[in-house]
């Protein structure tokens, strides 16, 4: 069996707000993660420069918060991490002793900004660890591009953070950010050795949902979690609703670590391997049938396109598609399938059908 990849837990408040707050963070988080077990790497996070959507929101303490963060990390005996969006942020934090940095979703979405960060003058790039959050949209090429820019600049330690996607009305879930698990799964396929963590807090958007997202991430095989934790979440200056208390974090971690260790260390018996092989054969057979049906559907679509052209009928008929979509989503709900996931599938099929008719 392959050696188990260390689990990385990046935990701490959304933002460093004061020296007293960060002292309380160090004390309470230290107790929450104590005895968590081998094979787990803890990193203390706190935002200093906060890229908020509105200018009247808390923008972060900036460089004034660096001593608070570094002192808290030193008290816990773990590395400190913060978000940087400009070379000035990076250099200032690096000179203060921080070696772990994450790039936020908005920054990842802008290749020019990533390029300037990658080119910033850092004395020892081999000592730096980068965590690249996915872009705001599910554009895996942007995500890969940011990772490659850092690697090409000489950074050896690069990881990714899946924090979900801002899909607005197209969101497939009630979470703050739609997980769209297919995107981080594809990233892991492209970069098998790249650690991919899940930011459970930013996906959930609500403290009560963080454990559910964390559990999904561990079951899927993500390599770590980023979770926001505040000694008094109700008093937080940013993202108060999604931050856990240290006690809540401890409960989440006890369950998550136990599940992960059990999943990775249990060696299936020979008969279990055989049963899995049979099920996978059934999946392959079902996929063959599915693609044959899709091919048949597209053949019918082309016939419809020829008929419409002959009769000078419009290709796009929204009322017809609305009726099909409504029926399929209702069917999916009855089968225990997420209706919004069914909508995403039907939207792709419909788009290809329209293109085939043209």
Protein backbone atom coordinates (compact mmCIF):
# COMPACT_ATOMS: atom_id res chain seq x y z
CA UNK A 1 0.00 0.00 0.00
CA UNK A 2 1.28 3.51 -0.86
CA UNK A 3 2.44 5.64 2.03
CA UNK A 4 -0.35 7.80 3.36
CA UNK A 5 0.00 11.44 2.33
CA UNK A 6 0.15 13.70 5.39
CA UNK A 7 -3.09 15.51 6.11
CA UNK A 8 -2.74 19.29 6.21
CA UNK A 9 -5.07 21.28 8.45
CA UNK A 10 -4.99 25.04 7.96
CA UNK A 11 -7.05 26.47 10.81
CA UNK A 12 -7.56 29.86 12.37
CA UNK A 13 -9.71 32.97 12.16
CA UNK A 14 -10.85 34.58 8.96
CA UNK A 15 -8.88 37.65 9.99
CA UNK A 16 -6.34 38.70 12.59
CA UNK A 17 -8.27 41.40 14.45
CA UNK A 18 -6.15 42.22 17.50
CA UNK A 19 -3.26 40.98 19.61
CA UNK A 20 -5.69 39.78 22.28
CA UNK A 21 -7.79 37.88 19.78
CA UNK A 22 -4.76 36.08 18.36
CA UNK A 23 -3.52 35.23 21.88
CA UNK A 24 -6.91 33.64 22.53
CA UNK A 25 -6.69 31.83 19.19
CA UNK A 26 -3.32 30.34 20.09
CA UNK A 27 -4.55 29.12 23.45
CA UNK A 28 -7.89 27.70 22.34
CA UNK A 29 -6.71 26.22 19.04
CA UNK A 30 -3.70 24.65 20.72
CA UNK A 31 -6.07 22.77 23.00
CA UNK A 32 -8.38 21.80 20.12
CA UNK A 33 -5.67 20.23 17.95
CA UNK A 34 -3.60 18.73 20.76
CA UNK A 35 -3.27 14.96 20.44
CA UNK A 36 -4.67 14.92 16.94
CA UNK A 37 -2.26 12.17 15.93
CA UNK A 38 0.66 11.50 13.63
CA UNK A 39 0.55 12.26 9.94
CA UNK A 40 -1.25 15.58 10.46
CA UNK A 41 0.41 18.91 9.71
CA UNK A 42 -1.14 21.97 11.41
CA UNK A 43 -0.83 25.49 9.96
CA UNK A 44 -2.27 28.58 11.68
CA UNK A 45 -4.12 30.86 9.28
CA UNK A 46 -5.33 34.45 9.63
CA UNK A 47 -6.06 37.02 6.96
CA UNK A 48 -4.21 40.32 7.19
CA UNK A 49 -5.11 41.89 3.86
CA UNK A 50 -8.78 41.14 3.19
CA UNK A 51 -10.03 41.55 -0.40
CA UNK A 52 -13.61 42.39 0.56
CA UNK A 53 -16.33 42.96 -2.02
CA UNK A 54 -17.47 46.25 -0.47
CA UNK A 55 -15.16 49.08 0.62
CA UNK A 56 -17.04 49.60 3.89
CA UNK A 57 -16.24 46.03 5.02
CA UNK A 58 -13.34 45.17 7.31
CA UNK A 59 -10.27 45.25 5.10
CA UNK A 60 -7.91 43.58 7.56
CA UNK A 61 -5.24 44.82 9.94
CA UNK A 62 -2.56 44.72 7.26
CA UNK A 63 1.08 44.68 8.29
CA UNK A 64 0.12 45.76 11.82
CA UNK A 65 -1.24 42.26 12.37
CA UNK A 66 1.94 40.42 11.45
CA UNK A 67 3.35 40.36 15.03
CA UNK A 68 0.00 39.03 16.32
CA UNK A 69 -0.05 36.18 13.80
CA UNK A 70 3.60 35.20 14.15
CA UNK A 71 3.41 35.28 17.96
CA UNK A 72 0.31 33.07 17.96
CA UNK A 73 1.94 30.58 15.59
CA UNK A 74 5.09 30.51 17.71
CA UNK A 75 3.01 29.86 20.83
CA UNK A 76 1.35 26.91 19.10
CA UNK A 77 4.59 25.67 17.59
CA UNK A 78 3.20 25.65 14.05
CA UNK A 79 3.80 27.65 10.83
CA UNK A 80 1.76 30.77 10.13
CA UNK A 81 -0.07 31.39 6.86
CA UNK A 82 -1.78 34.41 5.38
CA UNK A 83 -3.27 35.53 2.08
CA UNK A 84 -1.23 37.77 -0.21
CA UNK A 85 -2.43 39.53 -3.32
CA UNK A 86 0.46 41.84 -4.20
CA UNK A 87 4.27 41.58 -4.15
CA UNK A 88 4.26 44.13 -1.32
CA UNK A 89 2.07 41.85 0.80
CA UNK A 90 4.32 38.88 0.06
CA UNK A 91 7.62 40.61 0.76
CA UNK A 92 6.35 42.27 3.96
CA UNK A 93 5.02 38.97 5.33
CA UNK A 94 8.12 37.06 4.26
CA UNK A 95 10.39 39.55 6.02
CA UNK A 96 8.26 39.10 9.16
CA UNK A 97 9.09 35.38 9.10
CA UNK A 98 6.00 33.91 7.43
CA UNK A 99 6.68 31.15 4.91
CA UNK A 100 3.19 29.84 4.10
CA UNK A 101 0.98 31.90 1.79
CA UNK A 102 -2.28 31.39 -0.02
CA UNK A 103 -3.55 33.05 -3.16
CA UNK A 104 -7.24 33.92 -3.00
CA UNK A 105 -9.86 33.08 -5.60
CA UNK A 106 -9.99 36.60 -7.00
CA UNK A 107 -6.22 36.67 -7.44
CA UNK A 108 -6.12 33.23 -9.07
CA UNK A 109 -8.69 34.53 -11.55
CA UNK A 110 -6.21 37.17 -12.73
CA UNK A 111 -3.08 35.70 -14.40
CA UNK A 112 -1.35 39.11 -14.32
CA UNK A 113 -1.62 39.25 -10.53
CA UNK A 114 -0.34 35.69 -10.15
CA UNK A 115 2.56 36.52 -12.45
CA UNK A 116 3.59 39.50 -10.33
CA UNK A 117 3.47 37.40 -7.17
CA UNK A 118 5.54 34.65 -8.76
CA UNK A 119 8.15 37.18 -9.88
CA UNK A 120 8.47 38.96 -6.51
CA UNK A 121 12.01 39.00 -5.10
CA UNK A 122 12.12 36.36 -2.35
CA UNK A 123 15.46 35.31 -0.85
CA UNK A 124 14.73 31.57 -0.52
CA UNK A 125 11.88 30.25 -2.63
CA UNK A 126 12.57 26.68 -1.52
CA UNK A 127 11.46 27.65 2.01
CA UNK A 128 8.07 28.94 0.85
CA UNK A 129 4.85 26.92 0.62
CA UNK A 130 2.06 28.21 -1.61
CA UNK A 131 -1.62 27.28 -1.46
CA UNK A 132 -3.53 28.27 -4.60
CA UNK A 133 -7.27 28.63 -4.21
CA UNK A 134 -9.44 27.87 -7.21
CA UNK A 135 -10.70 30.83 -9.25
CA UNK A 136 -14.19 32.16 -8.58
CA UNK A 137 -15.53 30.34 -11.66
CA UNK A 138 -15.03 26.61 -12.35
CA UNK A 139 -12.26 27.28 -14.86
CA UNK A 140 -9.68 24.60 -14.25
CA UNK A 141 -7.25 26.09 -16.78
CA UNK A 142 -6.99 29.28 -14.71
CA UNK A 143 -6.34 27.17 -11.63
CA UNK A 144 -3.68 25.10 -13.39
CA UNK A 145 -2.15 28.25 -14.86
CA UNK A 146 -1.64 29.80 -11.42
CA UNK A 147 -0.03 26.60 -10.13
CA UNK A 148 2.29 26.39 -13.15
CA UNK A 149 3.32 30.04 -12.87
CA UNK A 150 4.53 29.48 -9.32
CA UNK A 151 6.32 26.27 -10.26
CA UNK A 152 8.05 27.89 -13.22
CA UNK A 153 9.20 30.70 -10.93
CA UNK A 154 11.12 28.15 -8.86
CA UNK A 155 8.67 27.39 -6.06
CA UNK A 156 8.87 23.70 -5.19
CA UNK A 157 6.17 23.51 -2.53
CA UNK A 158 2.80 24.26 -4.11
CA UNK A 159 -0.61 22.95 -3.08
CA UNK A 160 -4.16 23.73 -4.17
CA UNK A 161 -7.19 24.73 -2.13
CA UNK A 162 -10.68 23.92 -3.37
CA UNK A 163 -12.97 26.62 -1.96
CA UNK A 164 -15.98 26.17 -4.22
CA UNK A 165 -17.32 28.37 -6.99
CA UNK A 166 -19.56 31.43 -7.15
CA UNK A 167 -22.23 30.22 -9.57
CA UNK A 168 -25.05 32.51 -8.43
CA UNK A 169 -28.44 31.26 -9.54
CA UNK A 170 -26.78 28.30 -11.26
CA UNK A 171 -25.51 26.92 -7.96
CA UNK A 172 -26.24 23.24 -7.47
CA UNK A 173 -26.44 23.44 -3.69
CA UNK A 174 -27.47 25.54 -0.71
CA UNK A 175 -23.84 26.15 0.23
CA UNK A 176 -22.25 29.59 -0.02
CA UNK A 177 -20.05 28.36 -2.86
CA UNK A 178 -20.99 25.40 -5.04
CA UNK A 179 -18.44 22.60 -4.47
CA UNK A 180 -18.51 21.29 -8.07
CA UNK A 181 -16.38 18.36 -6.90
CA UNK A 182 -15.64 17.35 -10.49
CA UNK A 183 -13.18 20.27 -10.79
CA UNK A 184 -10.84 19.38 -7.87
CA UNK A 185 -11.16 15.72 -8.83
CA UNK A 186 -9.96 16.60 -12.34
CA UNK A 187 -7.12 18.66 -10.82
CA UNK A 188 -6.01 15.61 -8.83
CA UNK A 189 -6.13 13.54 -12.02
CA UNK A 190 -3.89 16.03 -13.83
CA UNK A 191 -1.48 16.45 -10.89
CA UNK A 192 -1.43 13.18 -8.91
CA UNK A 193 1.36 14.40 -6.60
CA UNK A 194 -0.21 17.82 -5.94
CA UNK A 195 -1.80 18.15 -2.47
CA UNK A 196 -5.39 19.37 -2.85
CA UNK A 197 -7.12 20.72 0.24
CA UNK A 198 -10.75 21.78 0.69
CA UNK A 199 -11.75 25.08 2.29
CA UNK A 200 -14.81 23.74 4.08
CA UNK A 201 -15.69 27.12 5.57
CA UNK A 202 -15.94 29.03 2.30
CA UNK A 203 -17.91 26.26 0.62
CA UNK A 204 -20.32 25.87 3.54
CA UNK A 205 -20.91 29.51 4.32
CA UNK A 206 -22.57 28.43 7.58
CA UNK A 207 -20.89 26.93 10.61
CA UNK A 208 -23.50 24.17 10.86
CA UNK A 209 -22.58 22.92 7.36
CA UNK A 210 -18.78 22.90 7.74
CA UNK A 211 -18.64 19.37 9.15
CA UNK A 212 -20.70 18.05 6.23
CA UNK A 213 -18.36 19.62 3.66
CA UNK A 214 -15.28 18.42 5.54
CA UNK A 215 -16.67 14.90 5.64
CA UNK A 216 -17.34 14.95 1.89
CA UNK A 217 -13.79 16.17 1.24
CA UNK A 218 -12.25 13.39 3.29
CA UNK A 219 -14.41 10.70 1.70
CA UNK A 220 -13.51 11.93 -1.78
CA UNK A 221 -9.81 11.82 -0.93
CA UNK A 222 -8.77 15.44 -0.49
CA UNK A 223 -5.41 15.92 1.22
CA UNK A 224 -6.43 18.40 3.87
CA UNK A 225 -8.82 21.03 5.09
CA UNK A 226 -8.90 24.77 5.63
CA UNK A 227 -11.36 25.68 8.37
CA UNK A 228 -11.98 29.09 9.88
CA UNK A 229 -12.05 29.15 13.68
CA UNK A 230 -12.66 32.07 16.03
CA UNK A 231 -12.76 32.11 19.84
CA UNK A 232 -16.01 34.09 19.63
CA UNK A 233 -17.46 33.78 16.10
CA UNK A 234 -20.40 36.10 16.76
CA UNK A 235 -17.91 38.92 17.42
CA UNK A 236 -15.80 38.28 14.29
CA UNK A 237 -15.27 41.30 12.03
CA UNK A 238 -15.61 39.20 8.87
CA UNK A 239 -17.37 35.95 7.89
CA UNK A 240 -18.83 35.50 11.36
CA UNK A 241 -21.48 33.03 10.23
CA UNK A 242 -19.08 30.41 8.88
CA UNK A 243 -16.45 30.33 11.63
CA UNK A 244 -16.40 27.51 14.17
CA UNK A 245 -15.55 27.72 17.83
CA UNK A 246 -12.43 25.77 18.85
CA UNK A 247 -14.69 23.21 20.55
CA UNK A 248 -16.68 22.72 17.33
CA UNK A 249 -13.44 22.31 15.41
CA UNK A 250 -12.27 19.64 17.84
CA UNK A 251 -15.49 17.69 17.29
CA UNK A 252 -15.16 17.92 13.51
CA UNK A 253 -11.53 16.85 13.54
CA UNK A 254 -12.09 13.87 15.79
CA UNK A 255 -14.60 12.48 13.32
CA UNK A 256 -12.69 13.42 10.18
CA UNK A 257 -9.33 12.08 11.30
CA UNK A 258 -10.85 8.83 12.51
CA UNK A 259 -12.65 8.32 9.20
CA UNK A 260 -9.56 9.11 7.17
CA UNK A 261 -7.28 6.84 9.15
CA UNK A 262 -9.76 3.99 8.92
CA UNK A 263 -10.19 4.48 5.17
CA UNK A 264 -6.46 4.66 4.43
CA UNK A 265 -5.18 1.96 6.79
CA UNK A 266 -7.73 -0.79 6.34
CA UNK A 267 -6.56 -3.31 3.74
CA UNK A 268 -9.52 -4.90 1.95
CA UNK A 269 -9.61 -8.69 1.94
CA UNK A 270 -9.26 -10.55 -1.34
CA UNK A 271 -13.00 -11.19 -1.58
CA UNK A 272 -13.68 -7.47 -1.08
CA UNK A 273 -11.31 -6.68 -3.96
CA UNK A 274 -13.19 -9.22 -6.08
CA UNK A 275 -16.57 -7.69 -5.19
CA UNK A 276 -15.24 -4.23 -6.08
CA UNK A 277 -13.98 -5.50 -9.43
CA UNK A 278 -17.43 -6.91 -10.23
CA UNK A 279 -19.10 -3.62 -9.38
CA UNK A 280 -16.61 -1.72 -11.53
CA UNK A 281 -17.37 -4.03 -14.44
CA UNK A 282 -21.04 -3.21 -13.98
CA UNK A 283 -20.20 0.50 -14.00
CA UNK A 284 -18.27 0.07 -17.26
CA UNK A 285 -21.15 -1.84 -18.84
CA UNK A 286 -23.65 0.78 -17.69
CA UNK A 287 -21.45 3.58 -19.07
CA UNK A 288 -21.31 1.79 -22.43
CA UNK A 289 -25.11 1.64 -22.46
CA UNK A 290 -25.36 5.28 -21.40
CA UNK A 291 -23.09 6.52 -24.17
CA UNK A 292 -24.90 4.38 -26.71
CA UNK A 293 -28.15 6.07 -25.65
CA UNK A 294 -26.56 9.52 -25.88
CA UNK A 295 -25.33 8.68 -29.37
CA UNK A 296 -28.83 7.53 -30.35
CA UNK A 297 -30.30 10.73 -28.93
CA UNK A 298 -27.91 12.87 -30.97
CA UNK A 299 -28.85 10.97 -34.14
CA UNK A 300 -32.51 11.82 -33.49
CA UNK A 301 -31.53 15.43 -32.76
CA UNK A 302 -29.85 15.70 -36.17
CA UNK A 303 -33.01 14.40 -37.83
CA UNK A 304 -35.00 17.04 -35.96
CA UNK A 305 -32.51 19.67 -37.12
CA UNK A 306 -32.96 18.60 -40.75
CA UNK A 307 -36.76 18.79 -40.37
CA UNK A 308 -36.60 22.27 -38.82
CA UNK A 309 -34.37 23.53 -41.58
CA UNK A 310 -36.71 22.14 -44.22
CA UNK A 311 -39.72 23.81 -42.54
CA UNK A 312 -37.81 26.99 -41.66
CA UNK A 313 -38.47 26.46 -37.94
CA UNK A 314 -36.31 28.00 -35.20
CA UNK A 315 -33.73 25.70 -33.67
CA UNK A 316 -34.10 27.04 -30.13
CA UNK A 317 -37.51 26.42 -28.61
CA UNK A 318 -37.31 27.44 -24.96
CA UNK A 319 -40.82 26.38 -23.97
CA UNK A 320 -40.09 22.82 -25.09
CA UNK A 321 -36.81 22.74 -23.19
CA UNK A 322 -38.42 24.20 -20.06
CA UNK A 323 -40.95 21.37 -20.13
CA UNK A 324 -38.24 18.70 -20.58
CA UNK A 325 -36.06 20.23 -17.86
CA UNK A 326 -38.90 20.47 -15.36
CA UNK A 327 -39.84 16.83 -15.96
CA UNK A 328 -36.28 15.54 -15.64
CA UNK A 329 -35.58 17.51 -12.46
CA UNK A 330 -38.78 16.16 -10.88
CA UNK A 331 -37.78 12.63 -11.90
CA UNK A 332 -34.31 13.11 -10.43
CA UNK A 333 -35.76 14.27 -7.11
CA UNK A 334 -37.89 11.15 -6.98
CA UNK A 335 -34.81 8.98 -7.55
CA UNK A 336 -32.76 10.59 -4.82
CA UNK A 337 -30.62 12.53 -7.33
CA UNK A 338 -29.86 16.20 -6.79
CA UNK A 339 -32.26 18.03 -9.17
CA UNK A 340 -29.71 20.78 -9.75
CA UNK A 341 -27.14 18.18 -10.76
CA UNK A 342 -29.71 16.78 -13.20
CA UNK A 343 -30.18 20.31 -14.54
CA UNK A 344 -26.45 20.69 -15.15
CA UNK A 345 -26.40 17.43 -17.12
CA UNK A 346 -29.47 18.38 -19.13
CA UNK A 347 -28.04 21.84 -19.86
CA UNK A 348 -24.95 20.23 -21.40
CA UNK A 349 -27.02 17.79 -23.44
CA UNK A 350 -29.33 20.58 -24.60
CA UNK A 351 -26.41 22.82 -25.60
CA UNK A 352 -24.90 20.01 -27.69
CA UNK A 353 -28.32 19.28 -29.19
CA UNK A 354 -28.77 22.89 -30.29
CA UNK A 355 -25.27 22.92 -31.82
CA UNK A 356 -25.99 19.65 -33.66
CA UNK A 357 -29.17 21.12 -35.15
CA UNK A 358 -27.31 24.13 -36.49
